[in-house]
N, C-alpha and C. Protein backbone atom coordinates (compact mmCIF):
# COMPACT_ATOMS: atom_id res chain seq x y z
N MET A 1 39.02 -31.73 150.27
CA MET A 1 38.30 -30.58 149.75
C MET A 1 38.91 -29.30 150.33
N THR A 2 39.15 -28.31 149.49
CA THR A 2 39.74 -27.06 149.95
C THR A 2 38.64 -26.12 150.43
N GLU A 3 39.01 -25.27 151.38
CA GLU A 3 38.06 -24.29 151.89
C GLU A 3 37.91 -23.15 150.89
N VAL A 4 36.73 -22.56 150.88
CA VAL A 4 36.45 -21.43 149.99
C VAL A 4 36.98 -20.16 150.64
N LEU A 5 37.64 -19.34 149.86
CA LEU A 5 38.15 -18.06 150.35
C LEU A 5 36.98 -17.09 150.46
N VAL A 6 36.84 -16.46 151.63
CA VAL A 6 35.76 -15.51 151.86
C VAL A 6 36.32 -14.21 152.40
N CYS A 7 35.57 -13.13 152.25
CA CYS A 7 35.96 -11.82 152.75
C CYS A 7 36.07 -11.85 154.27
N TRP A 8 37.09 -11.21 154.81
CA TRP A 8 37.30 -11.18 156.24
C TRP A 8 36.25 -10.34 156.95
N LYS A 9 35.62 -9.39 156.26
CA LYS A 9 34.70 -8.47 156.89
C LYS A 9 33.24 -8.89 156.76
N CYS A 10 32.81 -9.33 155.56
CA CYS A 10 31.39 -9.64 155.36
C CYS A 10 31.11 -11.12 155.13
N GLY A 11 32.14 -11.91 154.84
CA GLY A 11 31.95 -13.34 154.64
C GLY A 11 31.54 -13.73 153.23
N ALA A 12 31.53 -12.79 152.29
CA ALA A 12 31.15 -13.08 150.90
C ALA A 12 32.22 -13.95 150.23
N ALA A 13 31.80 -14.90 149.41
CA ALA A 13 32.72 -15.79 148.70
C ALA A 13 33.55 -14.99 147.70
N LEU A 14 34.83 -15.34 147.61
CA LEU A 14 35.75 -14.62 146.72
C LEU A 14 36.27 -15.53 145.61
N ASP A 15 35.48 -16.53 145.20
CA ASP A 15 35.95 -17.50 144.21
C ASP A 15 36.21 -16.89 142.84
N GLY A 16 35.66 -15.75 142.53
CA GLY A 16 35.87 -15.13 141.23
C GLY A 16 37.15 -14.33 141.12
N LEU A 17 37.84 -14.11 142.22
CA LEU A 17 39.06 -13.29 142.21
C LEU A 17 40.29 -14.15 141.94
N PRO A 18 41.24 -13.61 141.15
CA PRO A 18 42.47 -14.37 140.87
C PRO A 18 43.38 -14.41 142.11
N LEU A 19 44.06 -15.53 142.28
CA LEU A 19 45.01 -15.68 143.38
C LEU A 19 46.41 -15.65 142.83
N PRO A 20 47.40 -15.15 143.51
CA PRO A 20 47.31 -14.53 144.83
C PRO A 20 46.63 -13.17 144.74
N LEU A 21 46.02 -12.77 145.84
CA LEU A 21 45.31 -11.50 145.89
C LEU A 21 46.29 -10.34 145.74
N GLY A 22 45.96 -9.42 144.89
CA GLY A 22 46.79 -8.23 144.70
C GLY A 22 46.58 -7.24 145.83
N ARG A 23 47.49 -6.30 145.97
CA ARG A 23 47.43 -5.32 147.05
C ARG A 23 46.18 -4.44 146.97
N ARG A 24 45.67 -4.21 145.80
CA ARG A 24 44.51 -3.33 145.63
C ARG A 24 43.19 -4.07 145.50
N GLU A 25 43.19 -5.38 145.71
CA GLU A 25 41.95 -6.15 145.59
C GLU A 25 40.95 -5.73 146.65
N GLU A 26 39.69 -5.66 146.24
CA GLU A 26 38.60 -5.31 147.16
C GLU A 26 37.52 -6.37 147.07
N CYS A 27 36.78 -6.51 148.15
CA CYS A 27 35.66 -7.44 148.17
C CYS A 27 34.58 -6.92 147.24
N PRO A 28 34.07 -7.76 146.32
CA PRO A 28 33.02 -7.29 145.41
C PRO A 28 31.71 -7.01 146.14
N ALA A 29 31.51 -7.59 147.30
CA ALA A 29 30.25 -7.40 148.03
C ALA A 29 30.27 -6.15 148.92
N CYS A 30 31.34 -5.96 149.70
CA CYS A 30 31.35 -4.85 150.66
C CYS A 30 32.39 -3.77 150.38
N GLY A 31 33.31 -4.03 149.44
CA GLY A 31 34.31 -3.04 149.07
C GLY A 31 35.50 -2.95 150.01
N SER A 32 35.62 -3.86 150.96
CA SER A 32 36.74 -3.84 151.90
C SER A 32 38.03 -4.29 151.22
N ASP A 33 39.15 -3.74 151.68
CA ASP A 33 40.45 -4.19 151.19
C ASP A 33 40.62 -5.66 151.55
N LEU A 34 41.28 -6.43 150.68
CA LEU A 34 41.48 -7.85 150.95
C LEU A 34 42.92 -8.20 151.26
N HIS A 35 43.87 -7.39 150.81
CA HIS A 35 45.29 -7.64 151.11
C HIS A 35 45.60 -7.00 152.46
N VAL A 36 44.99 -7.54 153.51
CA VAL A 36 45.11 -6.98 154.86
C VAL A 36 45.57 -8.07 155.82
N CYS A 37 46.18 -7.66 156.92
CA CYS A 37 46.66 -8.63 157.92
C CYS A 37 45.53 -9.54 158.40
N ARG A 38 44.36 -8.99 158.59
CA ARG A 38 43.23 -9.75 159.11
C ARG A 38 42.87 -10.92 158.20
N MET A 39 43.25 -10.85 156.94
CA MET A 39 42.93 -11.88 155.95
C MET A 39 44.10 -12.85 155.73
N CYS A 40 45.22 -12.63 156.40
CA CYS A 40 46.44 -13.41 156.18
C CYS A 40 46.53 -14.64 157.09
N ARG A 41 47.16 -15.69 156.60
CA ARG A 41 47.30 -16.91 157.41
C ARG A 41 48.25 -16.70 158.58
N PHE A 42 49.09 -15.68 158.56
CA PHE A 42 50.00 -15.41 159.65
C PHE A 42 49.38 -14.53 160.75
N TYR A 43 48.19 -14.00 160.51
CA TYR A 43 47.53 -13.12 161.49
C TYR A 43 47.14 -13.92 162.73
N ASP A 44 47.59 -13.44 163.90
CA ASP A 44 47.28 -14.11 165.16
C ASP A 44 47.38 -13.08 166.28
N THR A 45 46.25 -12.74 166.87
CA THR A 45 46.25 -11.71 167.92
C THR A 45 46.92 -12.18 169.20
N GLY A 46 47.24 -13.45 169.30
CA GLY A 46 47.87 -13.98 170.50
C GLY A 46 49.38 -13.86 170.52
N VAL A 47 49.98 -13.32 169.47
CA VAL A 47 51.43 -13.17 169.42
C VAL A 47 51.80 -11.70 169.26
N SER A 48 53.08 -11.42 169.44
CA SER A 48 53.58 -10.06 169.30
C SER A 48 53.29 -9.52 167.91
N ARG A 49 52.86 -8.28 167.83
CA ARG A 49 52.54 -7.59 166.58
C ARG A 49 51.40 -8.25 165.81
N ALA A 50 50.74 -9.25 166.41
CA ALA A 50 49.62 -9.99 165.80
C ALA A 50 50.02 -10.67 164.50
N CYS A 51 51.30 -11.08 164.40
CA CYS A 51 51.79 -11.73 163.19
C CYS A 51 52.74 -12.86 163.57
N ARG A 52 52.50 -14.05 163.04
CA ARG A 52 53.36 -15.20 163.31
C ARG A 52 54.55 -15.28 162.37
N GLU A 53 54.63 -14.40 161.38
CA GLU A 53 55.77 -14.37 160.48
C GLU A 53 56.89 -13.59 161.17
N PRO A 54 58.00 -14.23 161.54
CA PRO A 54 59.02 -13.56 162.36
C PRO A 54 59.80 -12.44 161.69
N VAL A 55 59.92 -12.43 160.36
CA VAL A 55 60.74 -11.40 159.72
C VAL A 55 59.92 -10.31 159.04
N ALA A 56 58.61 -10.42 159.06
CA ALA A 56 57.76 -9.41 158.42
C ALA A 56 57.81 -8.10 159.21
N GLU A 57 57.80 -6.99 158.48
CA GLU A 57 57.77 -5.69 159.14
C GLU A 57 56.40 -5.49 159.79
N GLU A 58 56.37 -4.75 160.88
CA GLU A 58 55.11 -4.52 161.58
C GLU A 58 54.18 -3.64 160.76
N VAL A 59 52.92 -4.03 160.73
CA VAL A 59 51.88 -3.25 160.06
C VAL A 59 50.97 -2.73 161.16
N LYS A 60 50.82 -1.43 161.25
CA LYS A 60 50.02 -0.82 162.32
C LYS A 60 48.53 -1.06 162.15
N ASP A 61 48.01 -0.81 160.95
CA ASP A 61 46.58 -0.96 160.71
C ASP A 61 46.31 -2.31 160.06
N LYS A 62 45.81 -3.25 160.84
CA LYS A 62 45.62 -4.63 160.39
C LYS A 62 44.40 -4.80 159.48
N PHE A 63 43.61 -3.74 159.29
CA PHE A 63 42.38 -3.82 158.53
C PHE A 63 42.41 -3.03 157.22
N ARG A 64 43.58 -2.49 156.85
CA ARG A 64 43.72 -1.73 155.61
C ARG A 64 44.79 -2.38 154.74
N SER A 65 44.69 -2.15 153.46
CA SER A 65 45.62 -2.73 152.50
C SER A 65 47.06 -2.36 152.87
N ASN A 66 48.00 -3.33 152.67
CA ASN A 66 49.39 -3.08 153.01
C ASN A 66 50.31 -3.71 151.96
N PHE A 67 51.60 -3.50 152.11
CA PHE A 67 52.59 -3.97 151.16
C PHE A 67 53.34 -5.21 151.64
N CYS A 68 52.84 -5.92 152.63
CA CYS A 68 53.55 -7.06 153.19
C CYS A 68 53.78 -8.13 152.12
N GLY A 69 55.03 -8.53 151.96
CA GLY A 69 55.38 -9.54 150.98
C GLY A 69 55.12 -10.95 151.45
N TYR A 70 54.79 -11.13 152.72
CA TYR A 70 54.55 -12.46 153.28
C TYR A 70 53.06 -12.82 153.31
N PHE A 71 52.23 -11.94 152.79
CA PHE A 71 50.78 -12.15 152.82
C PHE A 71 50.38 -13.43 152.10
N GLN A 72 49.56 -14.24 152.79
CA GLN A 72 48.97 -15.44 152.20
C GLN A 72 47.51 -15.47 152.63
N ALA A 73 46.59 -15.43 151.67
CA ALA A 73 45.16 -15.39 151.97
C ALA A 73 44.75 -16.61 152.79
N ARG A 74 43.93 -16.36 153.80
CA ARG A 74 43.47 -17.41 154.72
C ARG A 74 41.98 -17.64 154.51
N PRO A 75 41.56 -18.88 154.19
CA PRO A 75 40.15 -19.16 153.96
C PRO A 75 39.24 -18.89 155.18
N GLY A 76 39.68 -19.13 156.38
CA GLY A 76 38.82 -18.96 157.55
C GLY A 76 38.92 -17.60 158.21
N ALA A 77 39.17 -16.55 157.44
CA ALA A 77 39.39 -15.23 158.02
C ALA A 77 38.12 -14.58 158.55
N TYR A 78 36.95 -14.97 158.05
CA TYR A 78 35.70 -14.34 158.48
C TYR A 78 35.19 -14.99 159.76
N THR A 79 34.92 -14.15 160.75
CA THR A 79 34.29 -14.63 161.98
C THR A 79 33.06 -13.76 162.21
N PRO A 80 31.87 -14.38 162.21
CA PRO A 80 30.65 -13.60 162.40
C PRO A 80 30.64 -12.92 163.76
N VAL A 81 30.03 -11.76 163.81
CA VAL A 81 29.94 -11.00 165.05
C VAL A 81 28.90 -11.65 165.96
N ASN A 82 29.27 -11.81 167.22
CA ASN A 82 28.33 -12.34 168.21
C ASN A 82 27.58 -11.15 168.78
N ASP A 83 26.35 -10.95 168.33
CA ASP A 83 25.58 -9.81 168.79
C ASP A 83 24.59 -10.18 169.90
N ALA A 84 24.72 -11.36 170.48
CA ALA A 84 23.81 -11.77 171.55
C ALA A 84 23.88 -10.83 172.75
N PRO A 85 25.07 -10.40 173.21
CA PRO A 85 25.10 -9.47 174.35
C PRO A 85 24.40 -8.15 174.06
N SER A 86 24.57 -7.61 172.85
CA SER A 86 23.91 -6.34 172.54
C SER A 86 22.40 -6.51 172.43
N ARG A 87 21.96 -7.66 171.89
CA ARG A 87 20.52 -7.91 171.83
C ARG A 87 19.92 -8.06 173.22
N ALA A 88 20.65 -8.70 174.14
CA ALA A 88 20.18 -8.86 175.51
C ALA A 88 20.09 -7.50 176.21
N ALA A 89 21.10 -6.66 175.98
CA ALA A 89 21.10 -5.32 176.58
C ALA A 89 19.95 -4.49 176.03
N ARG A 90 19.71 -4.59 174.71
CA ARG A 90 18.60 -3.86 174.09
C ARG A 90 17.26 -4.32 174.66
N ALA A 91 17.11 -5.62 174.89
CA ALA A 91 15.87 -6.15 175.46
C ALA A 91 15.66 -5.62 176.88
N GLN A 92 16.74 -5.53 177.66
CA GLN A 92 16.64 -4.98 179.01
C GLN A 92 16.25 -3.51 178.98
N LEU A 93 16.83 -2.75 178.07
CA LEU A 93 16.47 -1.33 177.94
C LEU A 93 15.02 -1.17 177.51
N ASP A 94 14.59 -2.00 176.56
CA ASP A 94 13.20 -1.94 176.11
C ASP A 94 12.25 -2.25 177.26
N ALA A 95 12.60 -3.24 178.08
CA ALA A 95 11.75 -3.60 179.22
C ALA A 95 11.73 -2.46 180.24
N LEU A 96 12.85 -1.80 180.45
CA LEU A 96 12.95 -0.72 181.42
C LEU A 96 12.22 0.53 180.97
N PHE A 97 12.35 0.87 179.68
CA PHE A 97 11.77 2.11 179.18
C PHE A 97 10.49 1.92 178.38
N GLY A 98 9.96 0.73 178.35
CA GLY A 98 8.66 0.50 177.71
C GLY A 98 8.69 0.36 176.22
N GLY A 99 9.59 -0.39 175.67
CA GLY A 99 9.58 -0.68 174.24
C GLY A 99 10.70 0.00 173.51
N ASP A 100 10.79 -0.33 172.24
CA ASP A 100 11.85 0.20 171.40
C ASP A 100 11.52 1.62 170.97
N ALA A 101 12.36 2.55 171.38
CA ALA A 101 12.13 3.96 171.03
C ALA A 101 12.32 4.19 169.54
N GLY A 102 13.04 3.30 168.86
CA GLY A 102 13.29 3.47 167.44
C GLY A 102 12.15 2.97 166.57
N GLU A 103 11.19 2.22 167.14
CA GLU A 103 10.08 1.72 166.33
C GLU A 103 9.16 2.86 165.94
N ARG A 104 8.70 2.81 164.72
CA ARG A 104 7.78 3.82 164.22
C ARG A 104 6.57 3.10 163.65
N THR A 105 5.43 3.69 163.82
CA THR A 105 4.23 3.13 163.20
C THR A 105 4.13 3.68 161.80
N ALA A 106 3.36 3.02 160.97
CA ALA A 106 3.19 3.47 159.58
C ALA A 106 2.58 4.86 159.59
N GLY A 107 3.17 5.76 158.85
CA GLY A 107 2.65 7.12 158.76
C GLY A 107 3.26 8.07 159.77
N SER A 108 4.06 7.58 160.71
CA SER A 108 4.67 8.49 161.68
C SER A 108 5.92 9.12 161.08
N ALA A 109 6.34 10.22 161.64
CA ALA A 109 7.49 10.95 161.10
C ALA A 109 8.78 10.20 161.37
N SER A 110 9.73 10.33 160.46
CA SER A 110 11.04 9.73 160.66
C SER A 110 11.85 10.64 161.59
N ASP A 111 13.01 10.15 162.03
CA ASP A 111 13.87 10.95 162.89
C ASP A 111 14.30 12.23 162.19
N ALA A 112 14.58 12.16 160.88
CA ALA A 112 14.99 13.35 160.14
C ALA A 112 13.86 14.37 160.08
N ASP A 113 12.63 13.89 159.86
CA ASP A 113 11.48 14.81 159.80
C ASP A 113 11.24 15.46 161.16
N THR A 114 11.37 14.68 162.22
CA THR A 114 11.18 15.21 163.57
C THR A 114 12.24 16.27 163.88
N ALA A 115 13.48 15.98 163.50
CA ALA A 115 14.56 16.94 163.74
C ALA A 115 14.34 18.22 162.94
N ARG A 116 13.89 18.09 161.68
CA ARG A 116 13.65 19.27 160.84
C ARG A 116 12.54 20.13 161.46
N GLU A 117 11.48 19.49 161.93
CA GLU A 117 10.39 20.24 162.56
C GLU A 117 10.88 20.99 163.80
N ALA A 118 11.71 20.35 164.60
CA ALA A 118 12.25 21.00 165.80
C ALA A 118 13.10 22.21 165.43
N LEU A 119 13.92 22.09 164.37
CA LEU A 119 14.75 23.21 163.93
C LEU A 119 13.89 24.36 163.40
N GLU A 120 12.86 24.01 162.63
CA GLU A 120 12.00 25.06 162.09
C GLU A 120 11.25 25.78 163.20
N LYS A 121 10.85 25.07 164.23
CA LYS A 121 10.20 25.71 165.37
C LYS A 121 11.18 26.60 166.10
N LEU A 122 12.42 26.14 166.23
CA LEU A 122 13.46 26.91 166.92
C LEU A 122 13.74 28.23 166.21
N PHE A 123 13.78 28.21 164.86
CA PHE A 123 14.10 29.42 164.11
C PHE A 123 12.86 30.17 163.61
N GLY A 124 11.71 29.77 164.07
CA GLY A 124 10.51 30.54 163.77
C GLY A 124 9.84 30.25 162.45
N LYS A 125 10.24 29.22 161.75
CA LYS A 125 9.60 28.87 160.49
C LYS A 125 8.46 27.90 160.78
N LYS A 126 7.41 28.00 160.00
CA LYS A 126 6.28 27.11 160.20
C LYS A 126 6.54 25.79 159.49
N PRO A 127 6.24 24.64 160.14
CA PRO A 127 6.46 23.35 159.49
C PRO A 127 5.45 23.07 158.40
């Protein structure tokens, strides 16, 4: 069984797109470029220039569309972000400062409304 080709950025299935991927192909779900080093089977951060293809020219931006003629789409290009450390840090901050400062109760002002009120007070306009 062959692996399904998915977007390197969001993980959306790309089965509706014709292969080989063209240079201007974009993910239908997130709009990211697909003809990028990060999506190529030669992409490897453990080697020089992050490319295992020895004769390919170096591409500086590995996340934007490029003209590399050695590009071959890689099915396992998507790796989900591990957000466990950030969630743990957020929990520690919430415990230290008494809860999530971003939580709002129903009917409370949004950040934009609060900022607008502060500006209007600063410039003398009544809210």
